[in-house]
PDB file of all heavy atoms in Angstrom:
ATOM      1  N   ILE A   1     105.389 116.765  70.979  1.00  0.00           N
ATOM      2  CA  ILE A   1     105.071 117.625  72.063  1.00  0.00           C
ATOM      3  C   ILE A   1     105.905 117.549  73.269  1.00  0.00           C
ATOM      4  O   ILE A   1     106.442 118.394  73.875  1.00  0.00           O
ATOM      5  CB  ILE A   1     103.544 117.322  72.600  1.00  0.00           C
ATOM      6  CG1 ILE A   1     102.544 117.675  71.406  1.00  0.00           C
ATOM      7  CG2 ILE A   1     103.222 118.134  73.894  1.00  0.00           C
ATOM      8  CD1 ILE A   1     102.514 119.116  71.101  1.00  0.00           C
ATOM      9  N   ARG A   2     106.274 116.193  73.528  1.00  0.00           N
ATOM     10  CA  ARG A   2     107.248 115.998  74.558  1.00  0.00           C
ATOM     11  C   ARG A   2     108.592 116.660  74.404  1.00  0.00           C
ATOM     12  O   ARG A   2     109.267 117.347  75.198  1.00  0.00           O
ATOM     13  CB  ARG A   2     107.495 114.426  74.818  1.00  0.00           C
ATOM     14  CG  ARG A   2     108.443 114.154  76.017  1.00  0.00           C
ATOM     15  CD  ARG A   2     108.708 112.635  76.144  1.00  0.00           C
ATOM     16  NE  ARG A   2     107.299 112.020  76.588  1.00  0.00           N
ATOM     17  CZ  ARG A   2     106.617 111.263  75.901  1.00  0.00           C
ATOM     18  NH1 ARG A   2     106.815 111.155  74.542  1.00  0.00           N
ATOM     19  NH2 ARG A   2     105.478 110.817  76.419  1.00  0.00           N
ATOM     20  N   GLU A   3     109.114 116.542  73.144  1.00  0.00           N
ATOM     21  CA  GLU A   3     110.360 116.988  72.800  1.00  0.00           C
ATOM     22  C   GLU A   3     110.421 118.631  72.870  1.00  0.00           C
ATOM     23  O   GLU A   3     111.319 119.137  73.420  1.00  0.00           O
ATOM     24  CB  GLU A   3     110.697 116.715  71.271  1.00  0.00           C
ATOM     25  CG  GLU A   3     111.985 117.175  70.804  1.00  0.00           C
ATOM     26  CD  GLU A   3     112.392 116.758  69.399  1.00  0.00           C
ATOM     27  OE1 GLU A   3     111.696 115.835  68.845  1.00  0.00           O
ATOM     28  OE2 GLU A   3     113.372 117.267  68.742  1.00  0.00           O
ATOM     29  N   ARG A   4     109.329 119.175  72.444  1.00  0.00           N
ATOM     30  CA  ARG A   4     109.195 120.603  72.482  1.00  0.00           C
ATOM     31  C   ARG A   4     109.155 121.275  74.016  1.00  0.00           C
ATOM     32  O   ARG A   4     109.860 122.144  74.345  1.00  0.00           O
ATOM     33  CB  ARG A   4     108.036 121.159  71.740  1.00  0.00           C
ATOM     34  CG  ARG A   4     108.162 121.055  70.153  1.00  0.00           C
ATOM     35  CD  ARG A   4     106.849 121.475  69.529  1.00  0.00           C
ATOM     36  NE  ARG A   4     106.771 121.193  68.082  1.00  0.00           N
ATOM     37  CZ  ARG A   4     106.058 121.607  67.373  1.00  0.00           C
ATOM     38  NH1 ARG A   4     104.710 122.137  67.781  1.00  0.00           N
ATOM     39  NH2 ARG A   4     106.035 121.397  65.942  1.00  0.00           N
ATOM     40  N   MET A   5     108.402 120.471  74.770  1.00  0.00           N
ATOM     41  CA  MET A   5     108.233 120.935  76.176  1.00  0.00           C
ATOM     42  C   MET A   5     109.631 120.678  76.927  1.00  0.00           C
ATOM     43  O   MET A   5     109.993 121.500  77.777  1.00  0.00           O
ATOM     44  CB  MET A   5     107.120 120.123  76.916  1.00  0.00           C
ATOM     45  CG  MET A   5     105.812 120.322  76.427  1.00  0.00           C
ATOM     46  SD  MET A   5     104.554 119.299  77.189  1.00  0.00           S
ATOM     47  CE  MET A   5     104.536 119.880  78.840  1.00  0.00           C
ATOM     48  N   ILE A   6     110.251 119.572  76.781  1.00  0.00           N
ATOM     49  CA  ILE A   6     111.539 119.342  77.299  1.00  0.00           C
ATOM     50  C   ILE A   6     112.544 120.464  76.897  1.00  0.00           C
ATOM     51  O   ILE A   6     113.285 120.996  77.679  1.00  0.00           O
ATOM     52  CB  ILE A   6     112.007 117.971  77.158  1.00  0.00           C
ATOM     53  CG1 ILE A   6     111.144 116.844  77.673  1.00  0.00           C
ATOM     54  CG2 ILE A   6     113.597 117.772  77.316  1.00  0.00           C
ATOM     55  CD1 ILE A   6     111.623 115.445  77.456  1.00  0.00           C
ATOM     56  N   GLU A   7     112.598 120.708  75.638  1.00  0.00           N
ATOM     57  CA  GLU A   7     113.525 121.773  75.129  1.00  0.00           C
ATOM     58  C   GLU A   7     113.184 123.161  75.770  1.00  0.00           C
ATOM     59  O   GLU A   7     114.206 123.775  76.188  1.00  0.00           O
ATOM     60  CB  GLU A   7     113.467 121.888  73.605  1.00  0.00           C
ATOM     61  CG  GLU A   7     114.475 122.884  73.013  1.00  0.00           C
ATOM     62  CD  GLU A   7     114.253 122.943  71.457  1.00  0.00           C
ATOM     63  OE1 GLU A   7     113.501 122.134  70.926  1.00  0.00           O
ATOM     64  OE2 GLU A   7     115.028 123.818  70.967  1.00  0.00           O
ATOM     65  N   ALA A   8     111.965 123.505  75.880  1.00  0.00           N
ATOM     66  CA  ALA A   8     111.630 124.777  76.394  1.00  0.00           C
ATOM     67  C   ALA A   8     111.939 124.908  77.876  1.00  0.00           C
ATOM     68  O   ALA A   8     112.422 125.867  78.438  1.00  0.00           O
ATOM     69  CB  ALA A   8     110.103 125.090  76.130  1.00  0.00           C
ATOM     70  N   THR A   9     111.537 123.831  78.613  1.00  0.00           N
ATOM     71  CA  THR A   9     111.716 123.912  80.089  1.00  0.00           C
ATOM     72  C   THR A   9     113.194 123.752  80.404  1.00  0.00           C
ATOM     73  O   THR A   9     113.676 124.482  81.350  1.00  0.00           O
ATOM     74  CB  THR A   9     110.885 122.814  80.815  1.00  0.00           C
ATOM     75  OG1 THR A   9     111.307 121.478  80.167  1.00  0.00           O
ATOM     76  CG2 THR A   9     109.547 122.977  80.720  1.00  0.00           C
ATOM     77  N   ASP A  10     113.969 122.982  79.649  1.00  0.00           N
ATOM     78  CA  ASP A  10     115.427 122.882  79.947  1.00  0.00           C
ATOM     79  C   ASP A  10     116.104 124.171  79.697  1.00  0.00           C
ATOM     80  O   ASP A  10     116.992 124.656  80.488  1.00  0.00           O
ATOM     81  CB  ASP A  10     116.153 121.843  78.986  1.00  0.00           C
ATOM     82  CG  ASP A  10     115.834 120.426  79.412  1.00  0.00           C
ATOM     83  OD1 ASP A  10     115.178 120.297  80.669  1.00  0.00           O
ATOM     84  OD2 ASP A  10     116.159 119.486  78.717  1.00  0.00           O
ATOM     85  N   GLN A  11     115.689 124.956  78.615  1.00  0.00           N
ATOM     86  CA  GLN A  11     116.258 126.337  78.334  1.00  0.00           C
ATOM     87  C   GLN A  11     115.850 127.246  79.398  1.00  0.00           C
ATOM     88  O   GLN A  11     116.757 128.145  79.843  1.00  0.00           O
ATOM     89  CB  GLN A  11     115.622 126.724  76.976  1.00  0.00           C
ATOM     90  CG  GLN A  11     116.240 128.157  76.540  1.00  0.00           C
ATOM     91  CD  GLN A  11     117.785 128.070  76.479  1.00  0.00           C
ATOM     92  OE1 GLN A  11     118.296 127.260  75.839  1.00  0.00           O
ATOM     93  NE2 GLN A  11     118.621 129.047  77.078  1.00  0.00           N
ATOM     94  N   MET A  12     114.529 127.044  80.005  1.00  0.00           N
ATOM     95  CA  MET A  12     114.137 127.981  81.089  1.00  0.00           C
ATOM     96  C   MET A  12     115.058 127.907  82.260  1.00  0.00           C
ATOM     97  O   MET A  12     115.537 128.864  82.874  1.00  0.00           O
ATOM     98  CB  MET A  12     112.644 127.699  81.376  1.00  0.00           C
ATOM     99  CG  MET A  12     112.214 128.557  82.606  1.00  0.00           C
ATOM    100  SD  MET A  12     110.511 128.115  83.112  1.00  0.00           S
ATOM    101  CE  MET A  12     110.741 126.476  83.703  1.00  0.00           C
ATOM    102  N   MET A  13     115.321 126.609  82.708  1.00  0.00           N
ATOM    103  CA  MET A  13     116.153 126.252  83.898  1.00  0.00           C
ATOM    104  C   MET A  13     117.621 126.635  83.659  1.00  0.00           C
ATOM    105  O   MET A  13     118.301 127.198  84.449  1.00  0.00           O
ATOM    106  CB  MET A  13     115.969 124.911  84.135  1.00  0.00           C
ATOM    107  CG  MET A  13     114.698 124.405  84.735  1.00  0.00           C
ATOM    108  SD  MET A  13     113.954 125.543  85.832  1.00  0.00           S
ATOM    109  CE  MET A  13     114.990 125.358  87.258  1.00  0.00           C
ATOM    110  N   ALA A  14     117.993 126.584  82.363  1.00  0.00           N
ATOM    111  CA  ALA A  14     119.540 126.926  81.959  1.00  0.00           C
ATOM    112  C   ALA A  14     119.675 128.594  82.247  1.00  0.00           C
ATOM    113  O   ALA A  14     120.515 129.058  82.748  1.00  0.00           O
ATOM    114  CB  ALA A  14     119.799 126.554  80.642  1.00  0.00           C
ATOM    115  N   ASP A  15     118.565 129.246  81.846  1.00  0.00           N
ATOM    116  CA  ASP A  15     118.543 130.650  81.939  1.00  0.00           C
ATOM    117  C   ASP A  15     118.647 131.154  83.419  1.00  0.00           C
ATOM    118  O   ASP A  15     119.195 132.101  83.808  1.00  0.00           O
ATOM    119  CB  ASP A  15     117.430 131.361  81.285  1.00  0.00           C
ATOM    120  CG  ASP A  15     117.425 131.156  79.697  1.00  0.00           C
ATOM    121  OD1 ASP A  15     118.543 130.963  79.239  1.00  0.00           O
ATOM    122  OD2 ASP A  15     116.380 131.320  79.071  1.00  0.00           O
ATOM    123  N   LYS A  16     117.799 130.463  84.293  1.00  0.00           N
ATOM    124  CA  LYS A  16     117.761 130.696  85.644  1.00  0.00           C
ATOM    125  C   LYS A  16     119.058 130.367  86.274  1.00  0.00           C
ATOM    126  O   LYS A  16     119.520 131.057  87.152  1.00  0.00           O
ATOM    127  CB  LYS A  16     116.686 129.914  86.283  1.00  0.00           C
ATOM    128  CG  LYS A  16     115.221 130.349  85.846  1.00  0.00           C
ATOM    129  CD  LYS A  16     114.120 129.577  86.807  1.00  0.00           C
ATOM    130  CE  LYS A  16     112.815 130.068  86.541  1.00  0.00           C
ATOM    131  NZ  LYS A  16     111.772 129.580  87.527  1.00  0.00           N
ATOM    132  N   ALA A  17     119.741 129.281  85.879  1.00  0.00           N
ATOM    133  CA  ALA A  17     121.022 128.984  86.467  1.00  0.00           C
ATOM    134  C   ALA A  17     122.084 130.078  86.139  1.00  0.00           C
ATOM    135  O   ALA A  17     122.953 130.325  87.112  1.00  0.00           O
ATOM    136  CB  ALA A  17     121.532 127.603  85.873  1.00  0.00           C
ATOM    137  N   GLU A  18     121.882 130.618  84.926  1.00  0.00           N
ATOM    138  CA  GLU A  18     122.905 131.678  84.618  1.00  0.00           C
ATOM    139  C   GLU A  18     122.562 132.986  85.375  1.00  0.00           C
ATOM    140  O   GLU A  18     123.493 133.598  85.686  1.00  0.00           O
ATOM    141  CB  GLU A  18     122.684 131.856  83.082  1.00  0.00           C
ATOM    142  CG  GLU A  18     123.715 133.007  82.501  1.00  0.00           C
ATOM    143  CD  GLU A  18     123.564 133.135  81.054  1.00  0.00           C
ATOM    144  OE1 GLU A  18     122.795 132.449  80.419  1.00  0.00           O
ATOM    145  OE2 GLU A  18     124.308 134.224  80.571  1.00  0.00           O
ATOM    146  N   ALA A  19     121.289 133.266  85.678  1.00  0.00           N
ATOM    147  CA  ALA A  19     121.066 134.488  86.401  1.00  0.00           C
ATOM    148  C   ALA A  19     121.345 134.338  87.782  1.00  0.00           C
ATOM    149  O   ALA A  19     121.800 135.264  88.507  1.00  0.00           O
ATOM    150  CB  ALA A  19     119.404 134.758  86.179  1.00  0.00           C
ATOM    151  N   PHE A  20     121.068 133.190  88.415  1.00  0.00           N
ATOM    152  CA  PHE A  20     121.448 132.964  89.926  1.00  0.00           C
ATOM    153  C   PHE A  20     122.810 132.692  89.982  1.00  0.00           C
ATOM    154  O   PHE A  20     123.500 133.023  91.052  1.00  0.00           O
ATOM    155  CB  PHE A  20     120.560 131.756  90.471  1.00  0.00           C
ATOM    156  CG  PHE A  20     119.213 132.094  90.815  1.00  0.00           C
ATOM    157  CD1 PHE A  20     118.186 131.556  90.097  1.00  0.00           C
ATOM    158  CD2 PHE A  20     118.934 132.868  91.935  1.00  0.00           C
ATOM    159  CE1 PHE A  20     116.859 131.867  90.350  1.00  0.00           C
ATOM    160  CE2 PHE A  20     117.633 133.221  92.182  1.00  0.00           C
ATOM    161  CZ  PHE A  20     116.552 132.610  91.468  1.00  0.00           C
ATOM    162  N   GLY A  21     123.459 132.155  88.953  1.00  0.00           N
ATOM    163  CA  GLY A  21     125.021 131.615  89.270  1.00  0.00           C
ATOM    164  C   GLY A  21     124.810 130.176  89.450  1.00  0.00           C
ATOM    165  O   GLY A  21     123.925 129.681  90.141  1.00  0.00           O
ATOM    166  N   PRO A  22     125.690 129.408  88.779  1.00  0.00           N
ATOM    167  CA  PRO A  22     125.691 127.859  88.853  1.00  0.00           C
ATOM    168  C   PRO A  22     125.736 127.439  90.374  1.00  0.00           C
ATOM    169  O   PRO A  22     124.865 126.508  90.708  1.00  0.00           O
ATOM    170  CB  PRO A  22     126.892 127.467  88.053  1.00  0.00           C
ATOM    171  CG  PRO A  22     127.149 128.572  87.103  1.00  0.00           C
ATOM    172  CD  PRO A  22     126.720 129.882  87.857  1.00  0.00           C
ATOM    173  N   GLU A  23     126.471 127.928  91.188  1.00  0.00           N
ATOM    174  CA  GLU A  23     126.614 127.468  92.485  1.00  0.00           C
ATOM    175  C   GLU A  23     125.349 127.766  93.304  1.00  0.00           C
ATOM    176  O   GLU A  23     124.941 126.889  94.053  1.00  0.00           O
ATOM    177  CB  GLU A  23     127.915 128.175  93.202  1.00  0.00           C
ATOM    178  CG  GLU A  23     128.117 127.544  94.624  1.00  0.00           C
ATOM    179  CD  GLU A  23     129.453 128.167  95.296  1.00  0.00           C
ATOM    180  OE1 GLU A  23     130.157 128.828  94.504  1.00  0.00           O
ATOM    181  OE2 GLU A  23     129.697 127.956  96.450  1.00  0.00           O
ATOM    182  N   ASN A  24     124.894 128.983  93.183  1.00  0.00           N
ATOM    183  CA  ASN A  24     123.645 129.361  93.931  1.00  0.00           C
ATOM    184  C   ASN A  24     122.500 128.536  93.378  1.00  0.00           C
ATOM    185  O   ASN A  24     121.583 128.044  94.263  1.00  0.00           O
ATOM    186  CB  ASN A  24     123.308 130.801  93.655  1.00  0.00           C
ATOM    187  CG  ASN A  24     124.245 131.815  94.406  1.00  0.00           C
ATOM    188  OD1 ASN A  24     124.809 131.378  95.372  1.00  0.00           O
ATOM    189  ND2 ASN A  24     124.332 132.932  93.863  1.00  0.00           N
ATOM    190  N   MET A  25     122.424 128.106  92.096  1.00  0.00           N
ATOM    191  CA  MET A  25     121.360 127.378  91.650  1.00  0.00           C
ATOM    192  C   MET A  25     121.445 125.891  92.143  1.00  0.00           C
ATOM    193  O   MET A  25     120.427 125.312  92.472  1.00  0.00           O
ATOM    194  CB  MET A  25     121.378 127.414  90.063  1.00  0.00           C
ATOM    195  CG  MET A  25     120.117 126.700  89.420  1.00  0.00           C
ATOM    196  SD  MET A  25     118.702 127.793  89.762  1.00  0.00           S
ATOM    197  CE  MET A  25     117.291 126.700  89.365  1.00  0.00           C
ATOM    198  N   ARG A  26     122.666 125.349  92.342  1.00  0.00           N
ATOM    199  CA  ARG A  26     122.640 123.980  92.848  1.00  0.00           C
ATOM    200  C   ARG A  26     122.311 124.011  94.326  1.00  0.00           C
ATOM    201  O   ARG A  26     121.690 123.100  94.840  1.00  0.00           O
ATOM    202  CB  ARG A  26     124.237 123.641  92.735  1.00  0.00           C
ATOM    203  CG  ARG A  26     124.806 123.596  91.397  1.00  0.00           C
ATOM    204  CD  ARG A  26     124.155 122.361  90.365  1.00  0.00           C
ATOM    205  NE  ARG A  26     122.981 122.850  89.843  1.00  0.00           N
ATOM    206  CZ  ARG A  26     122.853 123.544  88.783  1.00  0.00           C
ATOM    207  NH1 ARG A  26     124.033 124.011  88.061  1.00  0.00           N
ATOM    208  NH2 ARG A  26     121.735 123.923  88.235  1.00  0.00           N
ATOM    209  N   ASN A  27     122.654 125.135  95.049  1.00  0.00           N
ATOM    210  CA  ASN A  27     122.215 125.258  96.391  1.00  0.00           C
ATOM    211  C   ASN A  27     120.599 125.320  96.550  1.00  0.00           C
ATOM    212  O   ASN A  27     120.043 124.672  97.414  1.00  0.00           O
ATOM    213  CB  ASN A  27     122.771 126.392  97.169  1.00  0.00           C
ATOM    214  CG  ASN A  27     124.375 126.179  97.375  1.00  0.00           C
ATOM    215  OD1 ASN A  27     124.756 125.039  97.477  1.00  0.00           O
ATOM    216  ND2 ASN A  27     124.998 127.273  97.466  1.00  0.00           N
ATOM    217  N   ILE A  28     120.091 126.028  95.640  1.00  0.00           N
ATOM    218  CA  ILE A  28     118.594 126.241  95.716  1.00  0.00           C
ATOM    219  C   ILE A  28     117.910 124.799  95.354  1.00  0.00           C
ATOM    220  O   ILE A  28     117.060 124.340  96.080  1.00  0.00           O
ATOM    221  CB  ILE A  28     118.157 127.197  94.660  1.00  0.00           C
ATOM    222  CG1 ILE A  28     118.572 128.668  94.995  1.00  0.00           C
ATOM    223  CG2 ILE A  28     116.733 127.147  94.451  1.00  0.00           C
ATOM    224  CD1 ILE A  28     118.436 129.676  93.979  1.00  0.00           C
ATOM    225  N   GLU A  29     118.463 124.153  94.401  1.00  0.00           N
ATOM    226  CA  GLU A  29     117.871 122.817  94.076  1.00  0.00           C
ATOM    227  C   GLU A  29     118.015 121.773  95.220  1.00  0.00           C
ATOM    228  O   GLU A  29     117.176 121.061  95.494  1.00  0.00           O
ATOM    229  CB  GLU A  29     118.651 122.352  92.798  1.00  0.00           C
ATOM    230  CG  GLU A  29     118.302 122.962  91.603  1.00  0.00           C
ATOM    231  CD  GLU A  29     119.278 122.503  90.418  1.00  0.00           C
ATOM    232  OE1 GLU A  29     120.388 122.006  90.674  1.00  0.00           O
ATOM    233  OE2 GLU A  29     118.846 122.788  89.234  1.00  0.00           O
ATOM    234  N   LYS A  30     119.195 121.821  95.886  1.00  0.00           N
ATOM    235  CA  LYS A  30     119.391 120.959  96.928  1.00  0.00           C
ATOM    236  C   LYS A  30     118.448 121.289  98.075  1.00  0.00           C
ATOM    237  O   LYS A  30     117.801 120.327  98.718  1.00  0.00           O
ATOM    238  CB  LYS A  30     120.866 120.968  97.417  1.00  0.00           C
ATOM    239  CG  LYS A  30     121.112 119.881  98.506  1.00  0.00           C
ATOM    240  CD  LYS A  30     122.636 119.773  98.756  1.00  0.00           C
ATOM    241  CE  LYS A  30     123.014 118.558  99.699  1.00  0.00           C
ATOM    242  NZ  LYS A  30     124.415 118.480  99.798  1.00  0.00           N
ATOM    243  N   GLN A  31     118.296 122.525  98.536  1.00  0.00           N
ATOM    244  CA  GLN A  31     117.419 122.874  99.625  1.00  0.00           C
ATOM    245  C   GLN A  31     115.906 122.666  99.321  1.00  0.00           C
ATOM    246  O   GLN A  31     115.286 122.090 100.114  1.00  0.00           O
ATOM    247  CB  GLN A  31     117.552 124.404  99.892  1.00  0.00           C
ATOM    248  CG  GLN A  31     118.950 124.818 100.457  1.00  0.00           C
ATOM    249  CD  GLN A  31     119.059 124.150 101.814  1.00  0.00           C
ATOM    250  OE1 GLN A  31     118.224 124.100 102.672  1.00  0.00           O
ATOM    251  NE2 GLN A  31     120.323 123.783 102.084  1.00  0.00           N
ATOM    252  N   LEU A  32     115.496 122.888  98.153  1.00  0.00           N
ATOM    253  CA  LEU A  32     114.110 122.541  97.761  1.00  0.00           C
ATOM    254  C   LEU A  32     113.841 121.186  97.811  1.00  0.00           C
ATOM    255  O   LEU A  32     112.693 120.695  98.257  1.00  0.00           O
ATOM    256  CB  LEU A  32     113.816 123.154  96.403  1.00  0.00           C
ATOM    257  CG  LEU A  32     113.617 124.703  96.243  1.00  0.00           C
ATOM    258  CD1 LEU A  32     113.273 125.101  94.817  1.00  0.00           C
ATOM    259  CD2 LEU A  32     112.553 125.050  97.178  1.00  0.00           C
ATOM    260  N   LEU A  33     114.883 120.297  97.310  1.00  0.00           N
ATOM    261  CA  LEU A  33     114.751 118.844  97.291  1.00  0.00           C
ATOM    262  C   LEU A  33     114.672 118.301  98.627  1.00  0.00           C
ATOM    263  O   LEU A  33     113.649 117.414  98.987  1.00  0.00           O
ATOM    264  CB  LEU A  33     115.742 118.184  96.406  1.00  0.00           C
ATOM    265  CG  LEU A  33     115.604 116.706  96.103  1.00  0.00           C
ATOM    266  CD1 LEU A  33     114.389 116.367  95.403  1.00  0.00           C
ATOM    267  CD2 LEU A  33     116.823 116.291  95.283  1.00  0.00           C
ATOM    268  N   LEU A  34     115.486 118.784  99.469  1.00  0.00           N
ATOM    269  CA  LEU A  34     115.476 118.352 100.934  1.00  0.00           C
ATOM    270  C   LEU A  34     114.147 118.623 101.614  1.00  0.00           C
ATOM    271  O   LEU A  34     113.681 117.839 102.358  1.00  0.00           O
ATOM    272  CB  LEU A  34     116.653 118.839 101.748  1.00  0.00           C
ATOM    273  CG  LEU A  34     118.123 118.298 101.292  1.00  0.00           C
ATOM    274  CD1 LEU A  34     119.124 119.110 101.994  1.00  0.00           C
ATOM    275  CD2 LEU A  34     118.154 116.915 101.807  1.00  0.00           C
ATOM    276  N   GLN A  35     113.695 119.829 101.485  1.00  0.00           N
ATOM    277  CA  GLN A  35     112.481 120.285 102.100  1.00  0.00           C
ATOM    278  C   GLN A  35     111.277 119.557 101.632  1.00  0.00           C
ATOM    279  O   GLN A  35     110.390 119.065 102.392  1.00  0.00           O
ATOM    280  CB  GLN A  35     112.155 121.703 101.834  1.00  0.00           C
ATOM    281  CG  GLN A  35     113.194 122.708 102.703  1.00  0.00           C
ATOM    282  CD  GLN A  35     112.964 124.126 102.110  1.00  0.00           C
ATOM    283  OE1 GLN A  35     112.020 124.454 101.352  1.00  0.00           O
ATOM    284  NE2 GLN A  35     113.848 125.049 102.576  1.00  0.00           N
ATOM    285  N   ALA A  36     111.190 119.332 100.235  1.00  0.00           N
ATOM    286  CA  ALA A  36     110.109 118.388  99.786  1.00  0.00           C
ATOM    287  C   ALA A  36     110.155 117.028 100.274  1.00  0.00           C
ATOM    288  O   ALA A  36     109.198 116.417 100.596  1.00  0.00           O
ATOM    289  CB  ALA A  36     110.227 118.529  98.095  1.00  0.00           C
ATOM    290  N   ILE A  37     111.333 116.393 100.191  1.00  0.00           N
ATOM    291  CA  ILE A  37     111.581 115.030 100.830  1.00  0.00           C
ATOM    292  C   ILE A  37     110.947 114.952 102.236  1.00  0.00           C
ATOM    293  O   ILE A  37     110.264 114.101 102.518  1.00  0.00           O
ATOM    294  CB  ILE A  37     112.936 114.460 100.532  1.00  0.00           C
ATOM    295  CG1 ILE A  37     113.255 114.380  99.121  1.00  0.00           C
ATOM    296  CG2 ILE A  37     113.134 113.302 101.414  1.00  0.00           C
ATOM    297  CD1 ILE A  37     114.738 113.954  98.907  1.00  0.00           C
ATOM    298  N   ASP A  38     111.410 115.927 103.063  1.00  0.00           N
ATOM    299  CA  ASP A  38     111.083 115.954 104.446  1.00  0.00           C
ATOM    300  C   ASP A  38     109.578 115.945 104.631  1.00  0.00           C
ATOM    301  O   ASP A  38     108.942 115.218 105.363  1.00  0.00           O
ATOM    302  CB  ASP A  38     111.744 117.021 105.128  1.00  0.00           C
ATOM    303  CG  ASP A  38     111.444 117.168 106.584  1.00  0.00           C
ATOM    304  OD1 ASP A  38     111.701 116.191 107.372  1.00  0.00           O
ATOM    305  OD2 ASP A  38     110.795 118.071 107.044  1.00  0.00           O
TER     306      ASP A  38
END
């Protein structure tokens, strides 16, 4: 179950990175992480 879930979610995020563009996706990840930490 773990292997299937990781494979599915990794593919989902890879598709999002392609749709947003790698640079935009990295910026989104950083902003969300900073906001959550704060």
